[in-house]
Amino acid sequence: MVVLKDTKSDADVTIVINDELTLDKFNDKRIVAGDEIRCKYDNESGKNISKRFQKTAGC
């Protein structure tokens, strides 16, 4: 689970991540706290389940 800050509403959103590729990125430190990411998720059974989770392109 990760907590993201929605840039439009400034609210915190908790996302459940199930896919191995994204979990590997966290384990390898390719995604760390403070990174700007893009995420799409579905609300299934009251939980926000990640569909797409990727780091935005930086300078």
C-alpha atoms as a PDB file:
ATOM      1  CA  MET A   1       0.000   0.000   0.000  1.00  0.00           C
ATOM      2  CA  VAL A   2       1.121   3.523  -0.750  1.00  0.00           C
ATOM      3  CA  VAL A   3      -0.321   6.919   0.118  1.00  0.00           C
ATOM      4  CA  LEU A   4      -0.383   9.520  -2.644  1.00  0.00           C
ATOM      5  CA  LYS A   5      -1.285  13.192  -2.569  1.00  0.00           C
ATOM      6  CA  ASP A   6      -3.867  14.132  -5.207  1.00  0.00           C
ATOM      7  CA  THR A   7      -2.611  17.326  -6.879  1.00  0.00           C
ATOM      8  CA  LYS A   8      -6.119  18.508  -7.773  1.00  0.00           C
ATOM      9  CA  SER A   9      -7.783  18.136  -4.371  1.00  0.00           C
ATOM     10  CA  ASP A  10      -4.655  18.045  -2.146  1.00  0.00           C
ATOM     11  CA  ALA A  11      -6.162  14.975  -0.427  1.00  0.00           C
ATOM     12  CA  ASP A  12      -4.246  11.844   0.559  1.00  0.00           C
ATOM     13  CA  VAL A  13      -5.283   8.696  -1.350  1.00  0.00           C
ATOM     14  CA  THR A  14      -4.303   5.171  -0.277  1.00  0.00           C
ATOM     15  CA  ILE A  15      -3.558   2.829  -3.196  1.00  0.00           C
ATOM     16  CA  VAL A  16      -3.109  -0.966  -3.079  1.00  0.00           C
ATOM     17  CA  ILE A  17      -0.418  -2.212  -5.491  1.00  0.00           C
ATOM     18  CA  ASN A  18      -0.583  -5.858  -6.583  1.00  0.00           C
ATOM     19  CA  ASP A  19       1.548  -6.125  -9.719  1.00  0.00           C
ATOM     20  CA  GLU A  20       5.064  -7.514  -9.382  1.00  0.00           C
ATOM     21  CA  LEU A  21       6.666  -4.994 -11.772  1.00  0.00           C
ATOM     22  CA  THR A  22       5.697  -2.020  -9.613  1.00  0.00           C
ATOM     23  CA  LEU A  23       6.608  -3.824  -6.392  1.00  0.00           C
ATOM     24  CA  ASP A  24      10.045  -4.581  -7.864  1.00  0.00           C
ATOM     25  CA  LYS A  25      10.516  -0.865  -8.600  1.00  0.00           C
ATOM     26  CA  PHE A  26       9.925  -0.114  -4.906  1.00  0.00           C
ATOM     27  CA  ASN A  27      12.297  -2.884  -3.796  1.00  0.00           C
ATOM     28  CA  ASP A  28      15.025  -1.687  -6.204  1.00  0.00           C
ATOM     29  CA  LYS A  29      14.544   1.930  -5.029  1.00  0.00           C
ATOM     30  CA  ARG A  30      13.619   3.080  -8.558  1.00  0.00           C
ATOM     31  CA  ILE A  31      10.524   4.623  -6.945  1.00  0.00           C
ATOM     32  CA  VAL A  32      11.068   6.242  -3.538  1.00  0.00           C
ATOM     33  CA  ALA A  33       9.182   8.567  -1.204  1.00  0.00           C
ATOM     34  CA  GLY A  34       8.873  12.035  -2.693  1.00  0.00           C
ATOM     35  CA  ASP A  35       8.913  10.919  -6.349  1.00  0.00           C
ATOM     36  CA  GLU A  36       6.283  12.365  -8.660  1.00  0.00           C
ATOM     37  CA  ILE A  37       4.258   9.543 -10.178  1.00  0.00           C
ATOM     38  CA  ARG A  38       1.172   9.006 -12.294  1.00  0.00           C
ATOM     39  CA  CYS A  39      -1.360   6.484 -11.123  1.00  0.00           C
ATOM     40  CA  LYS A  40      -4.659   5.133 -12.373  1.00  0.00           C
ATOM     41  CA  TYR A  41      -6.755   3.021 -10.052  1.00  0.00           C
ATOM     42  CA  ASP A  42     -10.163   1.389  -9.662  1.00  0.00           C
ATOM     43  CA  ASN A  43     -12.214   1.447  -6.508  1.00  0.00           C
ATOM     44  CA  GLU A  44     -13.034  -2.238  -5.944  1.00  0.00           C
ATOM     45  CA  SER A  45     -14.749  -3.367  -2.738  1.00  0.00           C
ATOM     46  CA  GLY A  46     -13.881  -0.090  -1.038  1.00  0.00           C
ATOM     47  CA  LYS A  47     -10.162  -0.384  -1.881  1.00  0.00           C
ATOM     48  CA  ASN A  48      -8.268   1.653  -4.472  1.00  0.00           C
ATOM     49  CA  ILE A  49      -6.532  -0.977  -6.633  1.00  0.00           C
ATOM     50  CA  SER A  50      -3.690   0.259  -8.860  1.00  0.00           C
ATOM     51  CA  LYS A  51      -4.126  -0.246 -12.615  1.00  0.00           C
ATOM     52  CA  ARG A  52      -1.143   1.855 -13.749  1.00  0.00           C
ATOM     53  CA  PHE A  53       1.655   3.225 -11.582  1.00  0.00           C
ATOM     54  CA  GLN A  54       4.643   4.921 -13.158  1.00  0.00           C
ATOM     55  CA  LYS A  55       7.187   7.580 -12.405  1.00  0.00           C
ATOM     56  CA  THR A  56       6.767  10.776 -14.438  1.00  0.00           C
ATOM     57  CA  ALA A  57       9.544  11.785 -16.814  1.00  0.00           C
ATOM     58  CA  GLY A  58      11.926  14.235 -15.164  1.00  0.00           C
ATOM     59  CA  CYS A  59      14.499  16.751 -16.288  1.00  0.00           C
END
